[in-house]
Amino acid sequence: YAETRMRTFQSSEYMLVYAPFIWG
């Protein structure tokens, strides 16, 4: 998986993309 986040004191934006076993 790949995950990325941008956050401040007031806000947070998070995204995770997970490929368990095939393709993507």
PDB file of all heavy atoms in Angstrom:
ATOM      1  N   TYR A   1       0.829  -1.197   0.000  1.00  0.00           N
ATOM      2  CA  TYR A   1       0.000   0.000   0.000  1.00  0.00           C
ATOM      3  C   TYR A   1       0.864   1.247   0.000  1.00  0.00           C
ATOM      4  O   TYR A   1       2.062   1.217   0.302  1.00  0.00           O
ATOM      5  CB  TYR A   1      -0.945   0.014   1.202  1.00  0.00           C
ATOM      6  CG  TYR A   1      -0.275   0.032   2.565  1.00  0.00           C
ATOM      7  CD1 TYR A   1       0.120   1.227   3.154  1.00  0.00           C
ATOM      8  CD2 TYR A   1      -0.060  -1.148   3.266  1.00  0.00           C
ATOM      9  CE1 TYR A   1       0.717   1.240   4.401  1.00  0.00           C
ATOM     10  CE2 TYR A   1       0.536  -1.143   4.517  1.00  0.00           C
ATOM     11  CZ  TYR A   1       0.918   0.061   5.081  1.00  0.00           C
ATOM     12  OH  TYR A   1       1.516   0.064   6.321  1.00  0.00           O
ATOM     13  N   ALA A   2       0.242   2.343  -0.379  1.00  0.00           N
ATOM     14  CA  ALA A   2       0.860   3.660  -0.332  1.00  0.00           C
ATOM     15  C   ALA A   2      -0.114   4.585   0.382  1.00  0.00           C
ATOM     16  O   ALA A   2      -1.318   4.540   0.129  1.00  0.00           O
ATOM     17  CB  ALA A   2       1.157   4.171  -1.735  1.00  0.00           C
ATOM     18  N   GLU A   3       0.406   5.401   1.273  1.00  0.00           N
ATOM     19  CA  GLU A   3      -0.439   6.350   1.999  1.00  0.00           C
ATOM     20  C   GLU A   3       0.276   7.688   2.096  1.00  0.00           C
ATOM     21  O   GLU A   3       1.505   7.755   2.208  1.00  0.00           O
ATOM     22  CB  GLU A   3      -0.777   5.827   3.402  1.00  0.00           C
ATOM     23  CG  GLU A   3       0.438   5.594   4.272  1.00  0.00           C
ATOM     24  CD  GLU A   3       0.094   5.059   5.649  1.00  0.00           C
ATOM     25  OE1 GLU A   3      -1.076   5.162   6.056  1.00  0.00           O
ATOM     26  OE2 GLU A   3       1.010   4.557   6.319  1.00  0.00           O
ATOM     27  N   THR A   4      -0.498   8.740   2.017  1.00  0.00           N
ATOM     28  CA  THR A   4       0.088  10.071   2.093  1.00  0.00           C
ATOM     29  C   THR A   4      -0.873  11.004   2.804  1.00  0.00           C
ATOM     30  O   THR A   4      -2.095  10.813   2.760  1.00  0.00           O
ATOM     31  CB  THR A   4       0.444  10.586   0.680  1.00  0.00           C
ATOM     32  OG1 THR A   4       1.161  11.801   0.773  1.00  0.00           O
ATOM     33  CG2 THR A   4      -0.792  10.770  -0.177  1.00  0.00           C
ATOM     34  N   ARG A   5      -0.291  12.004   3.475  1.00  0.00           N
ATOM     35  CA  ARG A   5      -1.105  12.890   4.304  1.00  0.00           C
ATOM     36  C   ARG A   5      -0.494  14.291   4.317  1.00  0.00           C
ATOM     37  O   ARG A   5       0.728  14.453   4.324  1.00  0.00           O
ATOM     38  CB  ARG A   5      -1.154  12.346   5.737  1.00  0.00           C
ATOM     39  CG  ARG A   5      -2.025  13.156   6.701  1.00  0.00           C
ATOM     40  CD  ARG A   5      -1.599  12.959   8.152  1.00  0.00           C
ATOM     41  NE  ARG A   5      -1.594  11.586   8.578  1.00  0.00           N
ATOM     42  CZ  ARG A   5      -2.559  11.010   9.288  1.00  0.00           C
ATOM     43  NH1 ARG A   5      -3.630  11.704   9.622  1.00  0.00           N
ATOM     44  NH2 ARG A   5      -2.449   9.756   9.663  1.00  0.00           N
ATOM     45  N   MET A   6      -1.358  15.287   4.320  1.00  0.00           N
ATOM     46  CA  MET A   6      -0.948  16.662   4.576  1.00  0.00           C
ATOM     47  C   MET A   6      -1.790  17.178   5.728  1.00  0.00           C
ATOM     48  O   MET A   6      -3.016  17.088   5.684  1.00  0.00           O
ATOM     49  CB  MET A   6      -1.151  17.528   3.329  1.00  0.00           C
ATOM     50  CG  MET A   6      -0.744  18.980   3.521  1.00  0.00           C
ATOM     51  SD  MET A   6       1.024  19.239   3.805  1.00  0.00           S
ATOM     52  CE  MET A   6       1.668  18.869   2.164  1.00  0.00           C
ATOM     53  N   ARG A   7      -1.142  17.738   6.745  1.00  0.00           N
ATOM     54  CA  ARG A   7      -1.920  18.187   7.888  1.00  0.00           C
ATOM     55  C   ARG A   7      -1.343  19.462   8.490  1.00  0.00           C
ATOM     56  O   ARG A   7      -0.157  19.749   8.386  1.00  0.00           O
ATOM     57  CB  ARG A   7      -2.014  17.091   8.939  1.00  0.00           C
ATOM     58  CG  ARG A   7      -0.698  16.502   9.396  1.00  0.00           C
ATOM     59  CD  ARG A   7      -0.943  15.383  10.384  1.00  0.00           C
ATOM     60  NE  ARG A   7       0.216  14.548  10.559  1.00  0.00           N
ATOM     61  CZ  ARG A   7       0.274  13.551  11.439  1.00  0.00           C
ATOM     62  NH1 ARG A   7      -0.741  13.290  12.201  1.00  0.00           N
ATOM     63  NH2 ARG A   7       1.365  12.809  11.526  1.00  0.00           N
ATOM     64  N   THR A   8      -2.234  20.201   9.127  1.00  0.00           N
ATOM     65  CA  THR A   8      -1.869  21.393   9.863  1.00  0.00           C
ATOM     66  C   THR A   8      -2.472  21.262  11.254  1.00  0.00           C
ATOM     67  O   THR A   8      -3.008  20.209  11.621  1.00  0.00           O
ATOM     68  CB  THR A   8      -2.425  22.654   9.174  1.00  0.00           C
ATOM     69  OG1 THR A   8      -3.857  22.639   9.253  1.00  0.00           O
ATOM     70  CG2 THR A   8      -1.996  22.720   7.715  1.00  0.00           C
ATOM     71  N   PHE A   9      -2.426  22.346  12.024  1.00  0.00           N
ATOM     72  CA  PHE A   9      -3.026  22.329  13.356  1.00  0.00           C
ATOM     73  C   PHE A   9      -4.535  22.121  13.276  1.00  0.00           C
ATOM     74  O   PHE A   9      -5.141  21.517  14.157  1.00  0.00           O
ATOM     75  CB  PHE A   9      -2.714  23.650  14.072  1.00  0.00           C
ATOM     76  CG  PHE A   9      -3.270  23.753  15.460  1.00  0.00           C
ATOM     77  CD1 PHE A   9      -2.700  23.045  16.502  1.00  0.00           C
ATOM     78  CD2 PHE A   9      -4.360  24.568  15.732  1.00  0.00           C
ATOM     79  CE1 PHE A   9      -3.207  23.138  17.789  1.00  0.00           C
ATOM     80  CE2 PHE A   9      -4.874  24.675  17.013  1.00  0.00           C
ATOM     81  CZ  PHE A   9      -4.292  23.959  18.039  1.00  0.00           C
ATOM     82  N   GLN A  10      -5.153  22.585  12.189  1.00  0.00           N
ATOM     83  CA  GLN A  10      -6.614  22.573  12.088  1.00  0.00           C
ATOM     84  C   GLN A  10      -7.157  21.559  11.094  1.00  0.00           C
ATOM     85  O   GLN A  10      -8.296  21.120  11.211  1.00  0.00           O
ATOM     86  CB  GLN A  10      -7.111  23.974  11.693  1.00  0.00           C
ATOM     87  CG  GLN A  10      -8.622  24.151  11.819  1.00  0.00           C
ATOM     88  CD  GLN A  10      -9.072  25.521  11.364  1.00  0.00           C
ATOM     89  OE1 GLN A  10      -8.566  26.051  10.384  1.00  0.00           O
ATOM     90  NE2 GLN A  10     -10.027  26.104  12.076  1.00  0.00           N
ATOM     91  N   SER A  11      -6.375  21.174  10.106  1.00  0.00           N
ATOM     92  CA  SER A  11      -6.892  20.330   9.026  1.00  0.00           C
ATOM     93  C   SER A  11      -6.002  19.114   8.792  1.00  0.00           C
ATOM     94  O   SER A  11      -4.819  19.130   9.114  1.00  0.00           O
ATOM     95  CB  SER A  11      -6.995  21.129   7.720  1.00  0.00           C
ATOM     96  OG  SER A  11      -7.787  22.272   7.882  1.00  0.00           O
ATOM     97  N   SER A  12      -6.602  18.083   8.201  1.00  0.00           N
ATOM     98  CA  SER A  12      -5.846  16.887   7.844  1.00  0.00           C
ATOM     99  C   SER A  12      -6.480  16.249   6.620  1.00  0.00           C
ATOM    100  O   SER A  12      -7.704  16.043   6.584  1.00  0.00           O
ATOM    101  CB  SER A  12      -5.829  15.880   9.004  1.00  0.00           C
ATOM    102  OG  SER A  12      -5.167  14.691   8.629  1.00  0.00           O
ATOM    103  N   GLU A  13      -5.655  15.958   5.605  1.00  0.00           N
ATOM    104  CA  GLU A  13      -6.102  15.261   4.405  1.00  0.00           C
ATOM    105  C   GLU A  13      -5.254  14.005   4.256  1.00  0.00           C
ATOM    106  O   GLU A  13      -4.032  14.076   4.167  1.00  0.00           O
ATOM    107  CB  GLU A  13      -5.948  16.153   3.169  1.00  0.00           C
ATOM    108  CG  GLU A  13      -6.769  17.429   3.218  1.00  0.00           C
ATOM    109  CD  GLU A  13      -8.257  17.176   3.211  1.00  0.00           C
ATOM    110  OE1 GLU A  13      -8.701  16.254   2.479  1.00  0.00           O
ATOM    111  OE2 GLU A  13      -8.993  17.889   3.930  1.00  0.00           O
ATOM    112  N   TYR A  14      -5.910  12.850   4.232  1.00  0.00           N
ATOM    113  CA  TYR A  14      -5.215  11.558   4.235  1.00  0.00           C
ATOM    114  C   TYR A  14      -5.765  10.686   3.123  1.00  0.00           C
ATOM    115  O   TYR A  14      -6.981  10.637   2.888  1.00  0.00           O
ATOM    116  CB  TYR A  14      -5.418  10.874   5.585  1.00  0.00           C
ATOM    117  CG  TYR A  14      -4.914   9.448   5.665  1.00  0.00           C
ATOM    118  CD1 TYR A  14      -3.614   9.170   6.053  1.00  0.00           C
ATOM    119  CD2 TYR A  14      -5.765   8.377   5.376  1.00  0.00           C
ATOM    120  CE1 TYR A  14      -3.158   7.855   6.143  1.00  0.00           C
ATOM    121  CE2 TYR A  14      -5.313   7.066   5.463  1.00  0.00           C
ATOM    122  CZ  TYR A  14      -4.008   6.809   5.850  1.00  0.00           C
ATOM    123  OH  TYR A  14      -3.555   5.521   5.944  1.00  0.00           O
ATOM    124  N   MET A  15      -4.873   9.965   2.441  1.00  0.00           N
ATOM    125  CA  MET A  15      -5.289   9.018   1.407  1.00  0.00           C
ATOM    126  C   MET A  15      -4.443   7.753   1.477  1.00  0.00           C
ATOM    127  O   MET A  15      -3.215   7.821   1.562  1.00  0.00           O
ATOM    128  CB  MET A  15      -5.178   9.627   0.012  1.00  0.00           C
ATOM    129  CG  MET A  15      -5.615   8.667  -1.100  1.00  0.00           C
ATOM    130  SD  MET A  15      -5.905   9.492  -2.696  1.00  0.00           S
ATOM    131  CE  MET A  15      -4.252  10.013  -3.104  1.00  0.00           C
ATOM    132  N   LEU A  16      -5.116   6.613   1.445  1.00  0.00           N
ATOM    133  CA  LEU A  16      -4.484   5.301   1.422  1.00  0.00           C
ATOM    134  C   LEU A  16      -4.977   4.550   0.194  1.00  0.00           C
ATOM    135  O   LEU A  16      -6.182   4.514  -0.081  1.00  0.00           O
ATOM    136  CB  LEU A  16      -4.849   4.509   2.680  1.00  0.00           C
ATOM    137  CG  LEU A  16      -4.559   3.001   2.668  1.00  0.00           C
ATOM    138  CD1 LEU A  16      -3.070   2.746   2.865  1.00  0.00           C
ATOM    139  CD2 LEU A  16      -5.377   2.278   3.730  1.00  0.00           C
ATOM    140  N   VAL A  17      -4.056   3.957  -0.567  1.00  0.00           N
ATOM    141  CA  VAL A  17      -4.398   3.061  -1.674  1.00  0.00           C
ATOM    142  C   VAL A  17      -3.747   1.716  -1.379  1.00  0.00           C
ATOM    143  O   VAL A  17      -2.529   1.638  -1.203  1.00  0.00           O
ATOM    144  CB  VAL A  17      -3.924   3.618  -3.028  1.00  0.00           C
ATOM    145  CG1 VAL A  17      -4.186   2.603  -4.134  1.00  0.00           C
ATOM    146  CG2 VAL A  17      -4.635   4.931  -3.346  1.00  0.00           C
ATOM    147  N   TYR A  18      -4.554   0.662  -1.321  1.00  0.00           N
ATOM    148  CA  TYR A  18      -4.100  -0.666  -0.890  1.00  0.00           C
ATOM    149  C   TYR A  18      -4.419  -1.676  -1.982  1.00  0.00           C
ATOM    150  O   TYR A  18      -5.561  -1.808  -2.414  1.00  0.00           O
ATOM    151  CB  TYR A  18      -4.823  -1.047   0.403  1.00  0.00           C
ATOM    152  CG  TYR A  18      -4.134  -2.093   1.260  1.00  0.00           C
ATOM    153  CD1 TYR A  18      -3.920  -1.868   2.614  1.00  0.00           C
ATOM    154  CD2 TYR A  18      -3.716  -3.310   0.731  1.00  0.00           C
ATOM    155  CE1 TYR A  18      -3.300  -2.818   3.418  1.00  0.00           C
ATOM    156  CE2 TYR A  18      -3.104  -4.266   1.522  1.00  0.00           C
ATOM    157  CZ  TYR A  18      -2.896  -4.013   2.858  1.00  0.00           C
ATOM    158  OH  TYR A  18      -2.286  -4.960   3.653  1.00  0.00           O
ATOM    159  N   ALA A  19      -3.399  -2.408  -2.441  1.00  0.00           N
ATOM    160  CA  ALA A  19      -3.580  -3.517  -3.388  1.00  0.00           C
ATOM    161  C   ALA A  19      -3.170  -4.797  -2.672  1.00  0.00           C
ATOM    162  O   ALA A  19      -1.984  -5.080  -2.528  1.00  0.00           O
ATOM    163  CB  ALA A  19      -2.736  -3.314  -4.641  1.00  0.00           C
ATOM    164  N   PRO A  20      -4.119  -5.594  -2.195  1.00  0.00           N
ATOM    165  CA  PRO A  20      -3.778  -6.744  -1.351  1.00  0.00           C
ATOM    166  C   PRO A  20      -3.040  -7.873  -2.063  1.00  0.00           C
ATOM    167  O   PRO A  20      -2.174  -8.514  -1.472  1.00  0.00           O
ATOM    168  CB  PRO A  20      -5.149  -7.233  -0.847  1.00  0.00           C
ATOM    169  CG  PRO A  20      -6.082  -6.103  -1.051  1.00  0.00           C
ATOM    170  CD  PRO A  20      -5.572  -5.392  -2.263  1.00  0.00           C
ATOM    171  N   PHE A  21      -3.398  -8.143  -3.361  1.00  0.00           N
ATOM    172  CA  PHE A  21      -2.762  -9.332  -3.957  1.00  0.00           C
ATOM    173  C   PHE A  21      -2.728  -9.340  -5.482  1.00  0.00           C
ATOM    174  O   PHE A  21      -1.989 -10.123  -6.078  1.00  0.00           O
ATOM    175  CB  PHE A  21      -3.464 -10.607  -3.465  1.00  0.00           C
ATOM    176  CG  PHE A  21      -4.774 -10.888  -4.147  1.00  0.00           C
ATOM    177  CD1 PHE A  21      -4.876 -11.866  -5.122  1.00  0.00           C
ATOM    178  CD2 PHE A  21      -5.908 -10.158  -3.817  1.00  0.00           C
ATOM    179  CE1 PHE A  21      -6.082 -12.118  -5.755  1.00  0.00           C
ATOM    180  CE2 PHE A  21      -7.112 -10.406  -4.432  1.00  0.00           C
ATOM    181  CZ  PHE A  21      -7.203 -11.385  -5.409  1.00  0.00           C
ATOM    182  N   ILE A  22      -3.503  -8.508  -6.183  1.00  0.00           N
ATOM    183  CA  ILE A  22      -3.505  -8.580  -7.643  1.00  0.00           C
ATOM    184  C   ILE A  22      -3.873  -7.218  -8.230  1.00  0.00           C
ATOM    185  O   ILE A  22      -4.697  -6.489  -7.684  1.00  0.00           O
ATOM    186  CB  ILE A  22      -4.501  -9.660  -8.149  1.00  0.00           C
ATOM    187  CG1 ILE A  22      -4.343  -9.872  -9.667  1.00  0.00           C
ATOM    188  CG2 ILE A  22      -5.927  -9.318  -7.808  1.00  0.00           C
ATOM    189  CD1 ILE A  22      -5.189 -11.021 -10.201  1.00  0.00           C
ATOM    190  N   TRP A  23      -3.206  -6.874  -9.362  1.00  0.00           N
ATOM    191  CA  TRP A  23      -3.415  -5.626 -10.082  1.00  0.00           C
ATOM    192  C   TRP A  23      -3.258  -4.445  -9.131  1.00  0.00           C
ATOM    193  O   TRP A  23      -2.462  -4.515  -8.197  1.00  0.00           O
ATOM    194  CB  TRP A  23      -4.766  -5.633 -10.781  1.00  0.00           C
ATOM    195  CG  TRP A  23      -4.956  -4.537 -11.818  1.00  0.00           C
ATOM    196  CD1 TRP A  23      -6.102  -3.824 -12.036  1.00  0.00           C
ATOM    197  CD2 TRP A  23      -4.014  -4.034 -12.781  1.00  0.00           C
ATOM    198  NE1 TRP A  23      -5.934  -2.917 -13.060  1.00  0.00           N
ATOM    199  CE2 TRP A  23      -4.653  -3.021 -13.536  1.00  0.00           C
ATOM    200  CE3 TRP A  23      -2.676  -4.329 -13.052  1.00  0.00           C
ATOM    201  CZ2 TRP A  23      -4.032  -2.308 -14.557  1.00  0.00           C
ATOM    202  CZ3 TRP A  23      -2.037  -3.623 -14.075  1.00  0.00           C
ATOM    203  CH2 TRP A  23      -2.713  -2.624 -14.819  1.00  0.00           C
ATOM    204  N   GLY A  24      -3.966  -3.317  -9.359  1.00  0.00           N
ATOM    205  CA  GLY A  24      -3.712  -2.162  -8.518  1.00  0.00           C
ATOM    206  C   GLY A  24      -4.657  -1.014  -8.788  1.00  0.00           C
ATOM    207  O   GLY A  24      -5.659  -1.138  -9.508  1.00  0.00           O
TER     208      GLY A  24
END
